[in-house]
Amino acid sequence: MAVYFDPDAIDSSLIPGSGVLMIGYGNQGRAQALNLRDSGVRVSVGLYPGSKSWSKAVADGFEPVIAAEAVSEHDFLVLCTPDMKMESVYREAVAPHLRPAAALCFSHGFNIRYGLIVPPPEVDVVMVSPKGAGYGVRGRYEAGSGVPGLIAVHQDATGQALNRALSYAWGIGCARSVLLETTFAEETESDLLASRPCFAEEFLTSSGWVTKLSSKRASSLRSPTSSAFMRPSSSWTSSSSGDWRG
């Protein structure tokens, strides 16, 4: 797995050239949208009608759009909604309007990892996961630095998926720190069961997600000591990465 330290080595033009549709304007969505705009990226904020975040986006100087109406006009889409709502948002507002060769970007890999969202083969699917809460992502950017981030490619339809993800990471400020290449599976499993082991089972079962997974995987989810989930990630133990966690 690669580690990226040099923001100047990233082709930052890939994202400013196409613009970004940020779907969701919560903790991470707001921070990432503001950072992108300050990096010179054209950003649209996509929300559902009546969203409580609409007025917040307006106060920040954005002109929010209805997500379902804007998807077909953008080549780079960021799904920054809560995990429990993301599958329905994708199904209702995104999937019917996706353009071929578009990129879908996630900050967390859960819905891809467990097959709740299955994008068509003609789009790129990437993850750029800042290792910090939204206020830290924004605060460090404003201070001239950035939080470390994880980066992953699930599907490379265009041959440019990794470069597009790196360009996005540049836009939100993570490339100012360090980017560690990983996988959707490693990011998801480590986040759920290494960071919040006591929370994971209750969260997954109460939301109904376990019933959507295979019986084998559901059995693993109910066992926080499962070796499939608790194994250390080789990406995280790379001696060349330093203490990228910040």
Protein backbone atom coordinates (compact mmCIF):
# COMPACT_ATOMS: atom_id res chain seq x y z
CA MET A 1 0.00 0.00 0.00
CA ALA A 2 1.25 3.48 -0.87
CA VAL A 3 1.77 6.45 1.42
CA TYR A 4 1.49 9.97 -0.02
CA PHE A 5 3.30 12.86 1.64
CA ASP A 6 3.78 15.42 -1.15
CA PRO A 7 0.74 17.51 -2.15
CA ASP A 8 2.75 19.04 -5.00
CA ALA A 9 3.00 15.60 -6.64
CA ILE A 10 -0.81 15.35 -6.93
CA ASP A 11 -2.62 16.47 -10.07
CA SER A 12 -4.99 18.85 -8.32
CA SER A 13 -6.62 19.92 -11.59
CA LEU A 14 -8.78 16.80 -11.87
CA ILE A 15 -11.31 18.03 -9.30
CA PRO A 16 -11.38 21.80 -9.88
CA GLY A 17 -11.96 21.06 -13.56
CA SER A 18 -15.14 19.04 -13.06
CA GLY A 19 -16.61 20.40 -9.86
CA VAL A 20 -18.06 18.48 -6.93
CA LEU A 21 -21.59 17.72 -5.78
CA MET A 22 -21.53 17.36 -1.98
CA ILE A 23 -24.57 15.30 -0.99
CA GLY A 24 -25.14 16.05 2.67
CA TYR A 25 -24.08 19.02 4.76
CA GLY A 26 -23.48 17.68 8.25
CA ASN A 27 -20.31 17.31 10.28
CA GLN A 28 -18.06 16.11 7.46
CA GLY A 29 -20.01 17.45 4.48
CA ARG A 30 -19.86 21.05 5.64
CA ALA A 31 -16.16 20.95 6.48
CA GLN A 32 -15.19 19.27 3.24
CA ALA A 33 -17.35 21.56 1.11
CA LEU A 34 -15.87 24.70 2.70
CA ASN A 35 -12.33 23.40 2.28
CA LEU A 36 -12.95 22.51 -1.35
CA ARG A 37 -14.33 25.95 -2.08
CA ASP A 38 -11.35 27.62 -0.43
CA SER A 39 -9.09 25.41 -2.58
CA GLY A 40 -10.69 26.86 -5.70
CA VAL A 41 -13.02 23.94 -6.44
CA ARG A 42 -16.51 24.56 -7.77
CA VAL A 43 -18.81 23.02 -5.17
CA SER A 44 -22.54 22.42 -5.21
CA VAL A 45 -24.35 21.30 -2.06
CA GLY A 46 -27.07 18.74 -2.80
CA LEU A 47 -29.83 18.25 -0.24
CA TYR A 48 -33.37 16.91 -0.09
CA PRO A 49 -36.32 19.34 -0.06
CA GLY A 50 -36.93 20.63 3.45
CA SER A 51 -33.50 19.62 4.77
CA LYS A 52 -32.57 21.26 8.07
CA SER A 53 -29.11 21.86 6.60
CA TRP A 54 -30.46 24.06 3.81
CA SER A 55 -30.32 27.30 5.80
CA LYS A 56 -26.86 26.42 7.16
CA ALA A 57 -25.51 25.99 3.63
CA VAL A 58 -27.08 29.29 2.58
CA ALA A 59 -25.52 31.02 5.58
CA ASP A 60 -22.14 29.67 4.47
CA GLY A 61 -22.56 31.23 1.05
CA PHE A 62 -23.72 28.21 -0.95
CA GLU A 63 -26.80 27.96 -3.12
CA PRO A 64 -28.11 24.48 -2.27
CA VAL A 65 -29.72 22.37 -4.96
CA ILE A 66 -32.02 19.36 -4.86
CA ALA A 67 -29.63 16.43 -4.95
CA ALA A 68 -31.71 14.28 -7.30
CA GLU A 69 -31.87 17.11 -9.82
CA ALA A 70 -28.15 17.86 -9.73
CA VAL A 71 -26.55 14.41 -9.97
CA SER A 72 -26.75 14.26 -13.77
CA GLU A 73 -24.88 17.58 -14.01
CA HIS A 74 -21.80 16.48 -12.07
CA ASP A 75 -18.91 14.09 -12.65
CA PHE A 76 -17.72 13.88 -9.04
CA LEU A 77 -20.25 13.05 -6.33
CA VAL A 78 -19.50 12.85 -2.60
CA LEU A 79 -21.95 10.93 -0.41
CA CYS A 80 -21.57 12.53 2.99
CA THR A 81 -24.83 11.51 4.64
CA PRO A 82 -25.13 9.34 7.77
CA ASP A 83 -24.47 5.67 7.00
CA MET A 84 -27.97 4.63 8.05
CA LYS A 85 -29.53 6.96 5.46
CA MET A 86 -27.00 6.58 2.67
CA GLU A 87 -28.45 3.53 0.93
CA SER A 88 -31.87 5.13 0.47
CA VAL A 89 -30.33 8.45 -0.61
CA TYR A 90 -28.24 6.63 -3.21
CA ARG A 91 -31.15 4.53 -4.45
CA GLU A 92 -33.64 7.38 -4.72
CA ALA A 93 -31.55 10.44 -5.59
CA VAL A 94 -28.28 9.23 -7.10
CA ALA A 95 -28.55 5.90 -8.93
CA PRO A 96 -31.25 6.92 -11.44
CA HIS A 97 -29.23 9.94 -12.58
CA LEU A 98 -25.58 8.79 -12.58
CA ARG A 99 -23.51 9.73 -15.61
CA PRO A 100 -21.14 7.17 -17.13
CA ALA A 101 -17.52 7.76 -15.99
CA ALA A 102 -18.68 9.74 -12.95
CA ALA A 103 -16.90 9.22 -9.64
CA LEU A 104 -18.64 8.28 -6.40
CA CYS A 105 -16.63 9.27 -3.33
CA PHE A 106 -17.27 8.11 0.23
CA SER A 107 -15.85 9.21 3.57
CA HIS A 108 -16.64 5.85 5.15
CA GLY A 109 -16.74 2.47 3.45
CA PHE A 110 -19.62 0.70 5.21
CA ASN A 111 -22.29 0.80 2.52
CA ILE A 112 -19.87 -0.36 -0.17
CA ARG A 113 -18.14 -2.90 2.05
CA TYR A 114 -21.36 -4.74 2.87
CA GLY A 115 -23.06 -4.39 -0.50
CA LEU A 116 -25.84 -2.04 0.55
CA ILE A 117 -24.78 0.23 -2.31
CA VAL A 118 -23.70 -1.46 -5.55
CA PRO A 119 -22.70 1.16 -8.14
CA PRO A 120 -22.82 0.31 -11.85
CA PRO A 121 -19.53 -0.84 -13.41
CA GLU A 122 -19.11 2.27 -15.55
CA VAL A 123 -18.38 4.63 -12.62
CA ASP A 124 -15.34 5.11 -10.38
CA VAL A 125 -15.86 4.31 -6.70
CA VAL A 126 -13.34 5.80 -4.28
CA MET A 127 -12.98 6.69 -0.62
CA VAL A 128 -11.24 9.65 0.97
CA SER A 129 -11.64 9.35 4.73
CA PRO A 130 -10.28 12.22 6.85
CA LYS A 131 -9.06 10.95 10.21
CA GLY A 132 -10.73 13.66 12.24
CA ALA A 133 -14.12 15.15 13.01
CA GLY A 134 -15.49 17.89 10.81
CA TYR A 135 -14.35 20.71 13.06
CA GLY A 136 -10.80 19.35 12.92
CA VAL A 137 -10.89 18.95 9.14
CA ARG A 138 -11.95 22.58 8.81
CA GLY A 139 -9.83 23.98 11.63
CA ARG A 140 -6.56 22.44 10.48
CA TYR A 141 -7.24 23.51 6.91
CA GLU A 142 -7.78 27.11 8.03
CA ALA A 143 -4.56 26.90 10.02
CA GLY A 144 -2.66 25.96 6.87
CA SER A 145 -2.31 22.23 7.47
CA GLY A 146 -4.69 19.28 7.29
CA VAL A 147 -5.73 16.06 8.98
CA PRO A 148 -4.31 12.73 7.78
CA GLY A 149 -6.55 10.66 5.58
CA LEU A 150 -7.17 7.18 4.24
CA ILE A 151 -7.65 6.70 0.52
CA ALA A 152 -9.03 3.69 -1.35
CA VAL A 153 -10.26 2.61 -4.77
CA HIS A 154 -13.09 0.10 -4.95
CA GLN A 155 -13.80 0.40 -8.65
CA ASP A 156 -11.70 1.99 -11.40
CA ALA A 157 -13.84 2.40 -14.49
CA THR A 158 -11.92 5.29 -16.04
CA GLY A 159 -8.34 4.36 -15.21
CA GLN A 160 -8.15 7.61 -13.24
CA ALA A 161 -9.93 6.64 -10.02
CA LEU A 162 -6.87 6.89 -7.78
CA ASN A 163 -5.77 10.19 -9.28
CA ARG A 164 -9.28 11.60 -8.89
CA ALA A 165 -9.33 10.53 -5.25
CA LEU A 166 -5.92 12.08 -4.63
CA SER A 167 -7.09 15.30 -6.23
CA TYR A 168 -10.12 15.36 -3.94
CA ALA A 169 -7.88 14.71 -0.92
CA TRP A 170 -5.80 17.68 -2.02
CA GLY A 171 -8.95 19.81 -2.16
CA ILE A 172 -10.07 19.06 1.39
CA GLY A 173 -6.57 19.46 2.84
CA CYS A 174 -5.66 15.87 3.72
CA ALA A 175 -2.82 15.89 1.20
CA ARG A 176 -1.14 18.60 3.28
CA SER A 177 -0.62 15.97 5.97
CA VAL A 178 -0.32 12.35 4.86
CA LEU A 179 -2.51 9.96 2.86
CA LEU A 180 -2.40 6.23 3.47
CA GLU A 181 -3.75 3.91 0.80
CA THR A 182 -6.03 1.20 2.19
CA THR A 183 -9.18 -0.70 1.21
CA PHE A 184 -12.86 -0.16 1.89
CA ALA A 185 -12.89 -3.36 3.95
CA GLU A 186 -9.98 -2.38 6.18
CA GLU A 187 -11.31 1.13 6.80
CA THR A 188 -14.79 -0.11 7.63
CA GLU A 189 -13.82 -3.00 9.87
CA SER A 190 -11.20 -1.06 11.79
CA ASP A 191 -13.55 1.87 12.29
CA LEU A 192 -16.42 -0.27 13.54
CA LEU A 193 -14.63 -2.79 15.68
CA ALA A 194 -11.20 -1.42 16.52
CA SER A 195 -12.34 2.10 17.37
CA ARG A 196 -15.83 1.34 18.74
CA PRO A 197 -16.08 -2.38 19.54
CA CYS A 198 -18.78 -2.00 22.21
CA PHE A 199 -20.86 0.18 19.93
CA ALA A 200 -20.69 -1.81 16.72
CA GLU A 201 -23.00 -4.74 17.45
CA GLU A 202 -25.82 -2.63 18.92
CA PHE A 203 -25.56 -0.10 16.09
CA LEU A 204 -25.64 -2.68 13.31
CA THR A 205 -28.42 -4.83 14.74
CA SER A 206 -30.69 -1.98 15.85
CA SER A 207 -30.49 -0.35 12.42
CA GLY A 208 -31.54 -3.57 10.71
CA TRP A 209 -28.39 -3.86 8.63
CA VAL A 210 -27.42 -7.28 9.93
CA THR A 211 -30.49 -8.80 8.31
CA LYS A 212 -29.30 -7.48 4.94
CA LEU A 213 -25.96 -9.26 5.14
CA SER A 214 -25.20 -12.88 4.52
CA SER A 215 -25.65 -15.23 7.47
CA LYS A 216 -21.90 -15.84 7.55
CA ARG A 217 -21.06 -12.15 7.74
CA ALA A 218 -23.86 -11.52 10.23
CA SER A 219 -22.31 -14.15 12.49
CA SER A 220 -18.99 -12.31 12.29
CA LEU A 221 -20.63 -9.00 13.09
CA ARG A 222 -22.13 -10.44 16.26
CA SER A 223 -18.71 -11.60 17.43
CA PRO A 224 -16.42 -8.68 18.25
CA THR A 225 -13.55 -11.13 18.69
CA SER A 226 -13.91 -12.53 15.18
CA SER A 227 -10.45 -12.87 13.64
CA ALA A 228 -11.83 -11.53 10.37
CA PHE A 229 -12.57 -8.22 12.03
CA MET A 230 -9.84 -7.93 14.66
CA ARG A 231 -6.82 -8.70 12.51
CA PRO A 232 -4.41 -5.75 12.35
CA SER A 233 -4.23 -3.93 9.05
CA SER A 234 -0.84 -4.23 7.37
CA SER A 235 -1.41 -0.73 5.97
CA TRP A 236 -1.64 0.73 9.46
CA THR A 237 1.59 -0.81 10.68
CA SER A 238 3.83 0.39 7.89
CA SER A 239 6.99 1.78 9.44
CA SER A 240 7.34 4.27 6.60
CA SER A 241 4.03 5.96 7.35
CA GLY A 242 4.99 7.44 10.70
CA ASP A 243 2.30 8.38 13.16
CA TRP A 244 -0.17 9.38 10.47
CA ARG A 245 -3.08 9.42 12.93
CA GLY A 246 -2.23 12.97 14.00
